[in-house]
Amino acid sequence: MTRKTLLPAELIGKFPPYAQDMVDARIFWDLFGLGLCSFFVIAASLRAPVETRLVDWLSYVGIVLGPLTASLIVILLPINPYRDSWRARAAAMQNLDKRDPTARRLVEILASASARRFSFQMGLRLSLTLLVATAVTRTAFRLLGLHAHELHPRDLFITGYIFCSLMSFIMFKFEMMAWAFKNWTNIENINQRPPT
């Protein structure tokens, strides 16, 4: 029985198998990342209220900024599965995009204007989702009078920002490669800067 994969036929043998496994399991990584981000939403919502509303909302800003930061990183540094990756080295495919036109096309698609637009949309959607989840959770916990800790909003801002950025980046990385596989034949003109 063959497993279902998004990998285009042209990339078979030209894409690191470990990376392919991660892309094929991206639903797991999406759920894991959302679960971790949700943990920070709940942690911020269970914090005892402070006097200043502005300081009170500081704990949520990091959670919402995390996905936008990850999106910006993917836009500024497009994903290249062949560049200095242990997966590429393990499959003897490091810098394959410099030697193989099919691998180069994948890297060009991942750096295209369409890919940057998709990355921005992912970041915006996840940020808005977390913002709504935060507002609803915070309001519900306040109405119920629930609070469990006295952590300073600054601490929640820093940890929420770091972890939500990291988890968003992992989710976006595999979603971007899946998007490139799905759009392999749809993107005719690659109008972007040259891959780095």
C-alpha atoms as a PDB file:
ATOM      1  CA  MET A   1       0.000   0.000   0.000  1.00  0.00           C
ATOM      2  CA  THR A   2       1.451   3.367  -0.997  1.00  0.00           C
ATOM      3  CA  ARG A   3       1.041   6.315   1.299  1.00  0.00           C
ATOM      4  CA  LYS A   4      -0.698   9.462   0.127  1.00  0.00           C
ATOM      5  CA  THR A   5       1.657  12.370  -0.409  1.00  0.00           C
ATOM      6  CA  LEU A   6       1.457  15.828  -1.942  1.00  0.00           C
ATOM      7  CA  LEU A   7       4.925  15.539  -3.466  1.00  0.00           C
ATOM      8  CA  PRO A   8       4.800  16.179  -7.247  1.00  0.00           C
ATOM      9  CA  ALA A   9       6.091  13.317  -9.396  1.00  0.00           C
ATOM     10  CA  GLU A  10       8.907  15.550 -10.708  1.00  0.00           C
ATOM     11  CA  LEU A  11      10.285  15.942  -7.180  1.00  0.00           C
ATOM     12  CA  ILE A  12      10.415  12.247  -6.316  1.00  0.00           C
ATOM     13  CA  GLY A  13      14.031  11.505  -5.464  1.00  0.00           C
ATOM     14  CA  LYS A  14      14.780  15.236  -5.441  1.00  0.00           C
ATOM     15  CA  PHE A  15      13.215  16.205  -2.126  1.00  0.00           C
ATOM     16  CA  PRO A  16      14.575  15.130   1.287  1.00  0.00           C
ATOM     17  CA  PRO A  17      12.487  12.161   2.528  1.00  0.00           C
ATOM     18  CA  TYR A  18      12.579  13.367   6.149  1.00  0.00           C
ATOM     19  CA  ALA A  19      11.200  16.749   5.094  1.00  0.00           C
ATOM     20  CA  GLN A  20       8.543  14.986   3.019  1.00  0.00           C
ATOM     21  CA  ASP A  21       7.482  13.031   6.108  1.00  0.00           C
ATOM     22  CA  MET A  22       7.127  16.296   8.046  1.00  0.00           C
ATOM     23  CA  VAL A  23       5.066  17.901   5.262  1.00  0.00           C
ATOM     24  CA  ASP A  24       2.824  14.843   5.044  1.00  0.00           C
ATOM     25  CA  ALA A  25       2.335  15.022   8.845  1.00  0.00           C
ATOM     26  CA  ARG A  26       1.690  18.776   8.852  1.00  0.00           C
ATOM     27  CA  ILE A  27      -1.805  18.340  10.339  1.00  0.00           C
ATOM     28  CA  PHE A  28      -0.140  16.944  13.462  1.00  0.00           C
ATOM     29  CA  TRP A  29       2.285  19.898  13.602  1.00  0.00           C
ATOM     30  CA  ASP A  30      -0.570  22.358  13.042  1.00  0.00           C
ATOM     31  CA  LEU A  31      -2.555  20.864  15.924  1.00  0.00           C
ATOM     32  CA  PHE A  32       0.526  20.716  18.151  1.00  0.00           C
ATOM     33  CA  GLY A  33       1.348  24.371  17.404  1.00  0.00           C
ATOM     34  CA  LEU A  34      -2.224  25.519  17.931  1.00  0.00           C
ATOM     35  CA  GLY A  35      -2.352  23.564  21.173  1.00  0.00           C
ATOM     36  CA  LEU A  36       0.757  25.286  22.496  1.00  0.00           C
ATOM     37  CA  CYS A  37      -0.493  28.721  21.435  1.00  0.00           C
ATOM     38  CA  SER A  38      -3.840  27.924  23.099  1.00  0.00           C
ATOM     39  CA  PHE A  39      -1.977  27.055  26.301  1.00  0.00           C
ATOM     40  CA  PHE A  40      -0.580  30.604  26.368  1.00  0.00           C
ATOM     41  CA  VAL A  41      -4.017  32.073  25.620  1.00  0.00           C
ATOM     42  CA  ILE A  42      -5.416  30.235  28.660  1.00  0.00           C
ATOM     43  CA  ALA A  43      -2.384  31.114  30.832  1.00  0.00           C
ATOM     44  CA  ALA A  44      -2.788  34.789  29.971  1.00  0.00           C
ATOM     45  CA  SER A  45      -6.537  34.612  30.585  1.00  0.00           C
ATOM     46  CA  LEU A  46      -6.099  33.019  34.023  1.00  0.00           C
ATOM     47  CA  ARG A  47      -3.782  35.777  35.233  1.00  0.00           C
ATOM     48  CA  ALA A  48      -5.157  37.910  38.020  1.00  0.00           C
ATOM     49  CA  PRO A  49      -6.313  41.356  36.841  1.00  0.00           C
ATOM     50  CA  VAL A  50      -3.993  44.320  37.267  1.00  0.00           C
ATOM     51  CA  GLU A  51      -4.889  47.951  37.817  1.00  0.00           C
ATOM     52  CA  THR A  52      -3.947  49.307  34.389  1.00  0.00           C
ATOM     53  CA  ARG A  53      -5.869  47.989  31.409  1.00  0.00           C
ATOM     54  CA  LEU A  54      -2.945  48.672  29.054  1.00  0.00           C
ATOM     55  CA  VAL A  55      -0.597  46.549  31.170  1.00  0.00           C
ATOM     56  CA  ASP A  56      -3.351  43.956  31.502  1.00  0.00           C
ATOM     57  CA  TRP A  57      -3.480  43.464  27.711  1.00  0.00           C
ATOM     58  CA  LEU A  58       0.318  43.305  27.392  1.00  0.00           C
ATOM     59  CA  SER A  59       0.201  39.574  28.145  1.00  0.00           C
ATOM     60  CA  TYR A  60      -1.846  39.019  24.957  1.00  0.00           C
ATOM     61  CA  VAL A  61       0.229  41.121  22.590  1.00  0.00           C
ATOM     62  CA  GLY A  62       3.024  38.543  22.405  1.00  0.00           C
ATOM     63  CA  ILE A  63       0.579  35.768  21.567  1.00  0.00           C
ATOM     64  CA  VAL A  64      -0.916  37.773  18.707  1.00  0.00           C
ATOM     65  CA  LEU A  65       2.431  39.073  17.392  1.00  0.00           C
ATOM     66  CA  GLY A  66       4.001  35.593  17.300  1.00  0.00           C
ATOM     67  CA  PRO A  67       2.333  34.385  14.063  1.00  0.00           C
ATOM     68  CA  LEU A  68       2.953  37.731  12.334  1.00  0.00           C
ATOM     69  CA  THR A  69       6.641  37.533  13.224  1.00  0.00           C
ATOM     70  CA  ALA A  70       6.868  33.974  11.892  1.00  0.00           C
ATOM     71  CA  SER A  71       5.132  35.091   8.708  1.00  0.00           C
ATOM     72  CA  LEU A  72       7.583  37.979   8.301  1.00  0.00           C
ATOM     73  CA  ILE A  73      10.546  35.625   8.734  1.00  0.00           C
ATOM     74  CA  VAL A  74       9.199  33.321   6.009  1.00  0.00           C
ATOM     75  CA  ILE A  75       8.633  36.321   3.729  1.00  0.00           C
ATOM     76  CA  LEU A  76      12.115  37.803   4.268  1.00  0.00           C
ATOM     77  CA  LEU A  77      13.969  34.448   4.360  1.00  0.00           C
ATOM     78  CA  PRO A  78      12.065  32.111   2.022  1.00  0.00           C
ATOM     79  CA  ILE A  79      12.160  28.447   2.918  1.00  0.00           C
ATOM     80  CA  ASN A  80      14.775  26.427   1.062  1.00  0.00           C
ATOM     81  CA  PRO A  81      14.675  22.714   1.976  1.00  0.00           C
ATOM     82  CA  TYR A  82      18.116  22.238   0.384  1.00  0.00           C
ATOM     83  CA  ARG A  83      20.010  24.920   2.295  1.00  0.00           C
ATOM     84  CA  ASP A  84      22.036  23.834   5.330  1.00  0.00           C
ATOM     85  CA  SER A  85      19.355  21.475   6.577  1.00  0.00           C
ATOM     86  CA  TRP A  86      20.142  18.246   8.389  1.00  0.00           C
ATOM     87  CA  ARG A  87      17.349  16.670   6.369  1.00  0.00           C
ATOM     88  CA  ALA A  88      19.031  17.694   3.110  1.00  0.00           C
ATOM     89  CA  ARG A  89      22.446  16.546   4.358  1.00  0.00           C
ATOM     90  CA  ALA A  90      21.059  13.190   5.502  1.00  0.00           C
ATOM     91  CA  ALA A  91      19.557  12.633   2.031  1.00  0.00           C
ATOM     92  CA  ALA A  92      22.726  13.910   0.273  1.00  0.00           C
ATOM     93  CA  MET A  93      20.671  16.754  -1.229  1.00  0.00           C
ATOM     94  CA  GLN A  94      22.343  19.787   0.316  1.00  0.00           C
ATOM     95  CA  ASN A  95      22.395  22.659  -2.226  1.00  0.00           C
ATOM     96  CA  LEU A  96      20.627  20.452  -4.802  1.00  0.00           C
ATOM     97  CA  ASP A  97      18.795  23.569  -6.013  1.00  0.00           C
ATOM     98  CA  LYS A  98      22.121  24.875  -7.361  1.00  0.00           C
ATOM     99  CA  ARG A  99      22.616  21.732  -9.488  1.00  0.00           C
ATOM    100  CA  ASP A 100      19.123  20.566 -10.424  1.00  0.00           C
ATOM    101  CA  PRO A 101      16.511  22.634 -12.311  1.00  0.00           C
ATOM    102  CA  THR A 102      13.554  20.823 -10.698  1.00  0.00           C
ATOM    103  CA  ALA A 103      14.846  21.519  -7.186  1.00  0.00           C
ATOM    104  CA  ARG A 104      15.575  25.107  -8.243  1.00  0.00           C
ATOM    105  CA  ARG A 105      11.959  25.502  -9.399  1.00  0.00           C
ATOM    106  CA  LEU A 106      10.702  24.419  -5.949  1.00  0.00           C
ATOM    107  CA  VAL A 107      12.932  27.012  -4.278  1.00  0.00           C
ATOM    108  CA  GLU A 108      11.728  29.654  -6.759  1.00  0.00           C
ATOM    109  CA  ILE A 109       8.089  28.816  -6.015  1.00  0.00           C
ATOM    110  CA  LEU A 110       8.771  29.079  -2.251  1.00  0.00           C
ATOM    111  CA  ALA A 111      10.307  32.536  -2.812  1.00  0.00           C
ATOM    112  CA  SER A 112       7.627  33.783  -5.229  1.00  0.00           C
ATOM    113  CA  ALA A 113       5.313  36.737  -4.684  1.00  0.00           C
ATOM    114  CA  SER A 114       2.421  34.251  -4.416  1.00  0.00           C
ATOM    115  CA  ALA A 115       4.240  32.397  -1.641  1.00  0.00           C
ATOM    116  CA  ARG A 116       4.916  35.632   0.252  1.00  0.00           C
ATOM    117  CA  ARG A 117       1.239  36.555  -0.045  1.00  0.00           C
ATOM    118  CA  PHE A 118       0.212  33.096   1.235  1.00  0.00           C
ATOM    119  CA  SER A 119       2.632  33.420   4.172  1.00  0.00           C
ATOM    120  CA  PHE A 120       1.226  36.827   5.118  1.00  0.00           C
ATOM    121  CA  GLN A 121      -2.335  35.494   4.925  1.00  0.00           C
ATOM    122  CA  MET A 122      -1.431  32.535   7.176  1.00  0.00           C
ATOM    123  CA  GLY A 123       0.142  34.858   9.744  1.00  0.00           C
ATOM    124  CA  LEU A 124      -2.798  37.255   9.693  1.00  0.00           C
ATOM    125  CA  ARG A 125      -5.384  34.465   9.994  1.00  0.00           C
ATOM    126  CA  LEU A 126      -3.620  32.809  12.920  1.00  0.00           C
ATOM    127  CA  SER A 127      -3.077  36.141  14.688  1.00  0.00           C
ATOM    128  CA  LEU A 128      -6.740  37.091  14.327  1.00  0.00           C
ATOM    129  CA  THR A 129      -7.805  33.610  15.492  1.00  0.00           C
ATOM    130  CA  LEU A 130      -5.631  33.925  18.596  1.00  0.00           C
ATOM    131  CA  LEU A 131      -6.892  37.468  19.216  1.00  0.00           C
ATOM    132  CA  VAL A 132     -10.530  36.353  19.123  1.00  0.00           C
ATOM    133  CA  ALA A 133      -9.767  33.279  21.254  1.00  0.00           C
ATOM    134  CA  THR A 134      -7.972  35.493  23.759  1.00  0.00           C
ATOM    135  CA  ALA A 135     -10.790  38.031  23.982  1.00  0.00           C
ATOM    136  CA  VAL A 136     -13.456  35.326  24.411  1.00  0.00           C
ATOM    137  CA  THR A 137     -11.430  33.334  26.959  1.00  0.00           C
ATOM    138  CA  ARG A 138     -10.426  36.399  28.943  1.00  0.00           C
ATOM    139  CA  THR A 139     -14.002  37.677  29.083  1.00  0.00           C
ATOM    140  CA  ALA A 140     -15.394  34.277  30.102  1.00  0.00           C
ATOM    141  CA  PHE A 141     -12.801  33.799  32.849  1.00  0.00           C
ATOM    142  CA  ARG A 142     -13.401  37.313  34.190  1.00  0.00           C
ATOM    143  CA  LEU A 143     -17.173  36.792  34.261  1.00  0.00           C
ATOM    144  CA  LEU A 144     -16.661  33.515  36.132  1.00  0.00           C
ATOM    145  CA  GLY A 145     -14.171  35.157  38.493  1.00  0.00           C
ATOM    146  CA  LEU A 146     -11.437  32.674  37.610  1.00  0.00           C
ATOM    147  CA  HIS A 147      -7.773  33.481  38.042  1.00  0.00           C
ATOM    148  CA  ALA A 148      -4.982  31.141  39.025  1.00  0.00           C
ATOM    149  CA  HIS A 149      -1.691  33.041  39.133  1.00  0.00           C
ATOM    150  CA  GLU A 150      -0.069  36.423  39.626  1.00  0.00           C
ATOM    151  CA  LEU A 151       2.497  36.327  36.809  1.00  0.00           C
ATOM    152  CA  HIS A 152       3.438  39.752  35.512  1.00  0.00           C
ATOM    153  CA  PRO A 153       2.058  40.530  32.042  1.00  0.00           C
ATOM    154  CA  ARG A 154       5.641  41.210  30.870  1.00  0.00           C
ATOM    155  CA  ASP A 155       6.601  37.591  31.607  1.00  0.00           C
ATOM    156  CA  LEU A 156       3.588  36.281  29.714  1.00  0.00           C
ATOM    157  CA  PHE A 157       4.356  38.662  26.846  1.00  0.00           C
ATOM    158  CA  ILE A 158       7.916  37.356  26.481  1.00  0.00           C
ATOM    159  CA  THR A 159       7.145  33.636  26.818  1.00  0.00           C
ATOM    160  CA  GLY A 160       3.970  33.860  24.719  1.00  0.00           C
ATOM    161  CA  TYR A 161       5.794  35.781  21.989  1.00  0.00           C
ATOM    162  CA  ILE A 162       8.743  33.366  21.829  1.00  0.00           C
ATOM    163  CA  PHE A 163       6.711  30.162  21.863  1.00  0.00           C
ATOM    164  CA  CYS A 164       3.938  31.388  19.543  1.00  0.00           C
ATOM    165  CA  SER A 165       6.561  32.679  17.081  1.00  0.00           C
ATOM    166  CA  LEU A 166       8.433  29.379  17.162  1.00  0.00           C
ATOM    167  CA  MET A 167       5.365  27.180  16.816  1.00  0.00           C
ATOM    168  CA  SER A 168       3.939  29.405  14.080  1.00  0.00           C
ATOM    169  CA  PHE A 169       7.219  29.182  12.170  1.00  0.00           C
ATOM    170  CA  ILE A 170       7.192  25.379  12.351  1.00  0.00           C
ATOM    171  CA  MET A 171       3.562  25.284  11.165  1.00  0.00           C
ATOM    172  CA  PHE A 172       4.186  27.811   8.389  1.00  0.00           C
ATOM    173  CA  LYS A 173       7.304  25.996   7.157  1.00  0.00           C
ATOM    174  CA  PHE A 174       5.443  22.768   6.453  1.00  0.00           C
ATOM    175  CA  GLU A 175       2.307  24.548   5.222  1.00  0.00           C
ATOM    176  CA  MET A 176       4.430  26.574   2.782  1.00  0.00           C
ATOM    177  CA  MET A 177       6.003  23.422   1.327  1.00  0.00           C
ATOM    178  CA  ALA A 178       2.575  21.760   1.054  1.00  0.00           C
ATOM    179  CA  TRP A 179       1.302  24.911  -0.684  1.00  0.00           C
ATOM    180  CA  ALA A 180       4.232  24.776  -3.138  1.00  0.00           C
ATOM    181  CA  PHE A 181       3.505  21.104  -3.905  1.00  0.00           C
ATOM    182  CA  LYS A 182      -0.188  21.839  -4.495  1.00  0.00           C
ATOM    183  CA  ASN A 183       0.654  24.778  -6.764  1.00  0.00           C
ATOM    184  CA  TRP A 184       3.510  23.054  -8.586  1.00  0.00           C
ATOM    185  CA  THR A 185       1.782  23.212 -11.971  1.00  0.00           C
ATOM    186  CA  ASN A 186      -0.300  26.360 -11.339  1.00  0.00           C
ATOM    187  CA  ILE A 187       2.505  28.859 -10.963  1.00  0.00           C
ATOM    188  CA  GLU A 188       3.794  29.630 -14.438  1.00  0.00           C
ATOM    189  CA  ASN A 189       5.598  32.913 -13.888  1.00  0.00           C
ATOM    190  CA  ILE A 190       7.992  33.017 -10.996  1.00  0.00           C
ATOM    191  CA  ASN A 191       8.200  36.746 -10.309  1.00  0.00           C
ATOM    192  CA  GLN A 192      10.455  37.021  -7.313  1.00  0.00           C
ATOM    193  CA  ARG A 193      13.935  37.757  -6.189  1.00  0.00           C
ATOM    194  CA  PRO A 194      16.504  35.032  -6.884  1.00  0.00           C
ATOM    195  CA  PRO A 195      16.752  32.355  -4.201  1.00  0.00           C
ATOM    196  CA  THR A 196      19.489  32.810  -1.616  1.00  0.00           C
END
